[in-house]
Amino acid sequence: MELIPINWLAVGIAFVVVFIAGALWFGPKTFFPVWWRTLGKDPDDMGNSGANMAVIFGVTAVAASVQVIGIALAIGVATLAFGPVGPLGGLLIGLTLGVVFTAAGSLSHRLFGQQGFRVWLIEVGSDVLNYTLAGLIIGLFG
């Protein structure tokens, strides 16, 4: 018995879309150079940082899957309460979750970490976009 309906195909597709959108958002021709400089780092030094990129991408993939499943659960609860939400409802649920939990929740971290609004806007812009896209896709599959 399934307590909250989840369309796992939609979750998988949303995960892939979110991962691609994140890669594009933080790509070398988009926000990465500005974001990296705002953090006080040289974008040209990324390859020499000593970071284990396999671990970073792996952990990022796990986090993205948890986020997408959470959005699917929220949409599933809304579906149980109100009936199918559709793509617009999914989009609005994703947008709301992105703004309420990601944007509002991370602002104080950036400010107390003295990273400022610019870092916050770049990071939260990606998160809110990804939550919104995931909600749209999951809502589309109903």
C-alpha atoms as a PDB file:
ATOM      1  CA  MET A   1       0.000   0.000   0.000  1.00  0.00           C
ATOM      2  CA  GLU A   2       1.277   3.407  -0.963  1.00  0.00           C
ATOM      3  CA  LEU A   3       0.565   6.167   1.557  1.00  0.00           C
ATOM      4  CA  ILE A   4       1.638   9.049  -0.668  1.00  0.00           C
ATOM      5  CA  PRO A   5       1.496   8.568  -4.439  1.00  0.00           C
ATOM      6  CA  ILE A   6       4.847   9.106  -6.157  1.00  0.00           C
ATOM      7  CA  ASN A   7       5.464   8.732  -9.872  1.00  0.00           C
ATOM      8  CA  TRP A   8       9.025   7.413  -9.877  1.00  0.00           C
ATOM      9  CA  LEU A   9       9.450   7.968 -13.610  1.00  0.00           C
ATOM     10  CA  ALA A  10       8.641  11.648 -13.058  1.00  0.00           C
ATOM     11  CA  VAL A  11      11.108  11.742 -10.158  1.00  0.00           C
ATOM     12  CA  GLY A  12      13.833  10.260 -12.357  1.00  0.00           C
ATOM     13  CA  ILE A  13      13.183  12.681 -15.203  1.00  0.00           C
ATOM     14  CA  ALA A  14      13.014  15.626 -12.795  1.00  0.00           C
ATOM     15  CA  PHE A  15      16.326  14.550 -11.249  1.00  0.00           C
ATOM     16  CA  VAL A  16      18.044  14.504 -14.652  1.00  0.00           C
ATOM     17  CA  VAL A  17      16.560  17.886 -15.624  1.00  0.00           C
ATOM     18  CA  VAL A  18      17.534  19.446 -12.281  1.00  0.00           C
ATOM     19  CA  PHE A  19      21.070  18.095 -12.525  1.00  0.00           C
ATOM     20  CA  ILE A  20      21.457  19.459 -16.068  1.00  0.00           C
ATOM     21  CA  ALA A  21      19.928  22.813 -15.087  1.00  0.00           C
ATOM     22  CA  GLY A  22      22.367  23.079 -12.175  1.00  0.00           C
ATOM     23  CA  ALA A  23      25.296  22.289 -14.453  1.00  0.00           C
ATOM     24  CA  LEU A  24      24.157  24.958 -16.904  1.00  0.00           C
ATOM     25  CA  TRP A  25      23.508  27.514 -14.141  1.00  0.00           C
ATOM     26  CA  PHE A  26      26.985  27.060 -12.690  1.00  0.00           C
ATOM     27  CA  GLY A  27      28.678  26.591 -16.053  1.00  0.00           C
ATOM     28  CA  PRO A  28      31.837  28.436 -17.111  1.00  0.00           C
ATOM     29  CA  LYS A  29      29.841  30.695 -19.456  1.00  0.00           C
ATOM     30  CA  THR A  30      27.021  31.463 -17.026  1.00  0.00           C
ATOM     31  CA  PHE A  31      27.162  32.160 -13.274  1.00  0.00           C
ATOM     32  CA  PHE A  32      30.201  30.140 -12.175  1.00  0.00           C
ATOM     33  CA  PRO A  33      32.875  32.816 -12.802  1.00  0.00           C
ATOM     34  CA  VAL A  34      30.870  35.549 -11.036  1.00  0.00           C
ATOM     35  CA  TRP A  35      29.906  33.249  -8.168  1.00  0.00           C
ATOM     36  CA  TRP A  36      33.474  31.969  -7.711  1.00  0.00           C
ATOM     37  CA  ARG A  37      34.959  35.501  -7.747  1.00  0.00           C
ATOM     38  CA  THR A  38      32.295  36.680  -5.306  1.00  0.00           C
ATOM     39  CA  LEU A  39      33.443  33.914  -2.985  1.00  0.00           C
ATOM     40  CA  GLY A  40      36.955  35.387  -3.254  1.00  0.00           C
ATOM     41  CA  LYS A  41      38.363  32.682  -5.522  1.00  0.00           C
ATOM     42  CA  ASP A  42      39.945  32.760  -8.962  1.00  0.00           C
ATOM     43  CA  PRO A  43      37.812  30.888 -11.535  1.00  0.00           C
ATOM     44  CA  ASP A  44      40.986  29.769 -13.310  1.00  0.00           C
ATOM     45  CA  ASP A  45      42.148  27.925 -10.176  1.00  0.00           C
ATOM     46  CA  MET A  46      39.124  25.605  -9.987  1.00  0.00           C
ATOM     47  CA  GLY A  47      40.998  22.734 -11.610  1.00  0.00           C
ATOM     48  CA  ASN A  48      43.885  23.187  -9.166  1.00  0.00           C
ATOM     49  CA  SER A  49      41.802  23.339  -5.999  1.00  0.00           C
ATOM     50  CA  GLY A  50      42.571  19.780  -4.933  1.00  0.00           C
ATOM     51  CA  ALA A  51      38.860  19.063  -4.578  1.00  0.00           C
ATOM     52  CA  ASN A  52      37.681  15.551  -5.384  1.00  0.00           C
ATOM     53  CA  MET A  53      35.148  16.343  -8.102  1.00  0.00           C
ATOM     54  CA  ALA A  54      33.798  12.775  -8.159  1.00  0.00           C
ATOM     55  CA  VAL A  55      32.844  13.105  -4.491  1.00  0.00           C
ATOM     56  CA  ILE A  56      31.396  16.587  -5.036  1.00  0.00           C
ATOM     57  CA  PHE A  57      29.245  15.457  -7.973  1.00  0.00           C
ATOM     58  CA  GLY A  58      28.227  12.262  -6.157  1.00  0.00           C
ATOM     59  CA  VAL A  59      27.101  14.094  -3.035  1.00  0.00           C
ATOM     60  CA  THR A  60      25.387  16.712  -5.195  1.00  0.00           C
ATOM     61  CA  ALA A  61      23.501  13.942  -7.016  1.00  0.00           C
ATOM     62  CA  VAL A  62      22.354  12.424  -3.721  1.00  0.00           C
ATOM     63  CA  ALA A  63      21.221  15.850  -2.474  1.00  0.00           C
ATOM     64  CA  ALA A  64      19.361  16.546  -5.736  1.00  0.00           C
ATOM     65  CA  SER A  65      17.590  13.195  -5.532  1.00  0.00           C
ATOM     66  CA  VAL A  66      16.527  13.884  -1.935  1.00  0.00           C
ATOM     67  CA  GLN A  67      15.189  17.296  -2.986  1.00  0.00           C
ATOM     68  CA  VAL A  68      13.259  15.901  -5.952  1.00  0.00           C
ATOM     69  CA  ILE A  69      11.779  13.096  -3.841  1.00  0.00           C
ATOM     70  CA  GLY A  70      10.765  15.690  -1.225  1.00  0.00           C
ATOM     71  CA  ILE A  71       9.017  17.743  -3.892  1.00  0.00           C
ATOM     72  CA  ALA A  72       7.295  14.586  -5.156  1.00  0.00           C
ATOM     73  CA  LEU A  73       6.117  13.857  -1.607  1.00  0.00           C
ATOM     74  CA  ALA A  74       4.735  17.388  -1.231  1.00  0.00           C
ATOM     75  CA  ILE A  75       2.923  17.091  -4.554  1.00  0.00           C
ATOM     76  CA  GLY A  76       1.662  13.647  -3.508  1.00  0.00           C
ATOM     77  CA  VAL A  77       0.221  15.082  -0.289  1.00  0.00           C
ATOM     78  CA  ALA A  78      -1.411  17.919  -2.242  1.00  0.00           C
ATOM     79  CA  THR A  79      -2.839  15.347  -4.668  1.00  0.00           C
ATOM     80  CA  LEU A  80      -4.334  13.334  -1.809  1.00  0.00           C
ATOM     81  CA  ALA A  81      -5.832  16.469  -0.283  1.00  0.00           C
ATOM     82  CA  PHE A  82      -7.083  18.262  -3.396  1.00  0.00           C
ATOM     83  CA  GLY A  83      -6.856  15.882  -6.351  1.00  0.00           C
ATOM     84  CA  PRO A  84      -4.362  16.015  -9.216  1.00  0.00           C
ATOM     85  CA  VAL A  85      -2.391  19.256  -9.180  1.00  0.00           C
ATOM     86  CA  GLY A  86      -1.266  19.239 -12.815  1.00  0.00           C
ATOM     87  CA  PRO A  87       1.797  20.994 -14.209  1.00  0.00           C
ATOM     88  CA  LEU A  88       0.841  24.482 -12.981  1.00  0.00           C
ATOM     89  CA  GLY A  89       0.108  23.223  -9.479  1.00  0.00           C
ATOM     90  CA  GLY A  90       3.370  21.294  -9.457  1.00  0.00           C
ATOM     91  CA  LEU A  91       5.249  24.364 -10.654  1.00  0.00           C
ATOM     92  CA  LEU A  92       3.681  26.492  -7.910  1.00  0.00           C
ATOM     93  CA  ILE A  93       4.409  23.888  -5.236  1.00  0.00           C
ATOM     94  CA  GLY A  94       8.036  23.647  -6.383  1.00  0.00           C
ATOM     95  CA  LEU A  95       8.372  27.429  -6.515  1.00  0.00           C
ATOM     96  CA  THR A  96       6.842  27.813  -3.060  1.00  0.00           C
ATOM     97  CA  LEU A  97       9.093  25.144  -1.535  1.00  0.00           C
ATOM     98  CA  GLY A  98      12.123  26.732  -3.194  1.00  0.00           C
ATOM     99  CA  VAL A  99      11.350  30.204  -1.909  1.00  0.00           C
ATOM    100  CA  VAL A 100      10.169  29.206   1.567  1.00  0.00           C
ATOM    101  CA  PHE A 101      12.770  26.599   2.457  1.00  0.00           C
ATOM    102  CA  THR A 102      15.778  27.255   0.258  1.00  0.00           C
ATOM    103  CA  ALA A 103      15.772  31.015  -0.222  1.00  0.00           C
ATOM    104  CA  ALA A 104      14.541  32.015   3.210  1.00  0.00           C
ATOM    105  CA  GLY A 105      16.500  29.296   4.988  1.00  0.00           C
ATOM    106  CA  SER A 106      19.873  30.056   3.449  1.00  0.00           C
ATOM    107  CA  LEU A 107      19.830  33.861   3.601  1.00  0.00           C
ATOM    108  CA  SER A 108      21.025  34.115   7.196  1.00  0.00           C
ATOM    109  CA  HIS A 109      23.816  31.602   6.513  1.00  0.00           C
ATOM    110  CA  ARG A 110      25.180  33.757   3.688  1.00  0.00           C
ATOM    111  CA  LEU A 111      24.835  36.978   5.669  1.00  0.00           C
ATOM    112  CA  PHE A 112      26.442  35.634   8.860  1.00  0.00           C
ATOM    113  CA  GLY A 113      29.121  33.988   6.712  1.00  0.00           C
ATOM    114  CA  GLN A 114      29.726  37.461   5.249  1.00  0.00           C
ATOM    115  CA  GLN A 115      29.209  36.178   1.727  1.00  0.00           C
ATOM    116  CA  GLY A 116      26.554  38.764   0.951  1.00  0.00           C
ATOM    117  CA  PHE A 117      23.487  38.960  -1.226  1.00  0.00           C
ATOM    118  CA  ARG A 118      25.241  38.309  -4.525  1.00  0.00           C
ATOM    119  CA  VAL A 119      26.375  34.814  -3.537  1.00  0.00           C
ATOM    120  CA  TRP A 120      22.952  34.169  -2.048  1.00  0.00           C
ATOM    121  CA  LEU A 121      21.134  35.325  -5.191  1.00  0.00           C
ATOM    122  CA  ILE A 122      23.243  33.136  -7.469  1.00  0.00           C
ATOM    123  CA  GLU A 123      22.902  30.046  -5.288  1.00  0.00           C
ATOM    124  CA  VAL A 124      19.239  30.534  -4.471  1.00  0.00           C
ATOM    125  CA  GLY A 125      18.408  31.363  -8.072  1.00  0.00           C
ATOM    126  CA  SER A 126      19.631  27.908  -9.049  1.00  0.00           C
ATOM    127  CA  ASP A 127      17.795  26.220  -6.187  1.00  0.00           C
ATOM    128  CA  VAL A 128      14.476  27.959  -6.816  1.00  0.00           C
ATOM    129  CA  LEU A 129      14.713  27.262 -10.545  1.00  0.00           C
ATOM    130  CA  ASN A 130      15.458  23.591  -9.854  1.00  0.00           C
ATOM    131  CA  TYR A 131      12.611  23.201  -7.354  1.00  0.00           C
ATOM    132  CA  THR A 132      10.258  24.884  -9.820  1.00  0.00           C
ATOM    133  CA  LEU A 133      11.360  22.666 -12.718  1.00  0.00           C
ATOM    134  CA  ALA A 134      11.049  19.534 -10.587  1.00  0.00           C
ATOM    135  CA  GLY A 135       7.565  20.554  -9.458  1.00  0.00           C
ATOM    136  CA  LEU A 136       6.507  21.257 -13.039  1.00  0.00           C
ATOM    137  CA  ILE A 137       7.751  17.874 -14.277  1.00  0.00           C
ATOM    138  CA  ILE A 138       6.287  15.878 -11.391  1.00  0.00           C
ATOM    139  CA  GLY A 139       2.989  17.758 -11.679  1.00  0.00           C
ATOM    140  CA  LEU A 140       2.944  17.095 -15.417  1.00  0.00           C
ATOM    141  CA  PHE A 141       3.095  13.357 -14.795  1.00  0.00           C
ATOM    142  CA  GLY A 142       0.347  13.740 -12.186  1.00  0.00           C
END
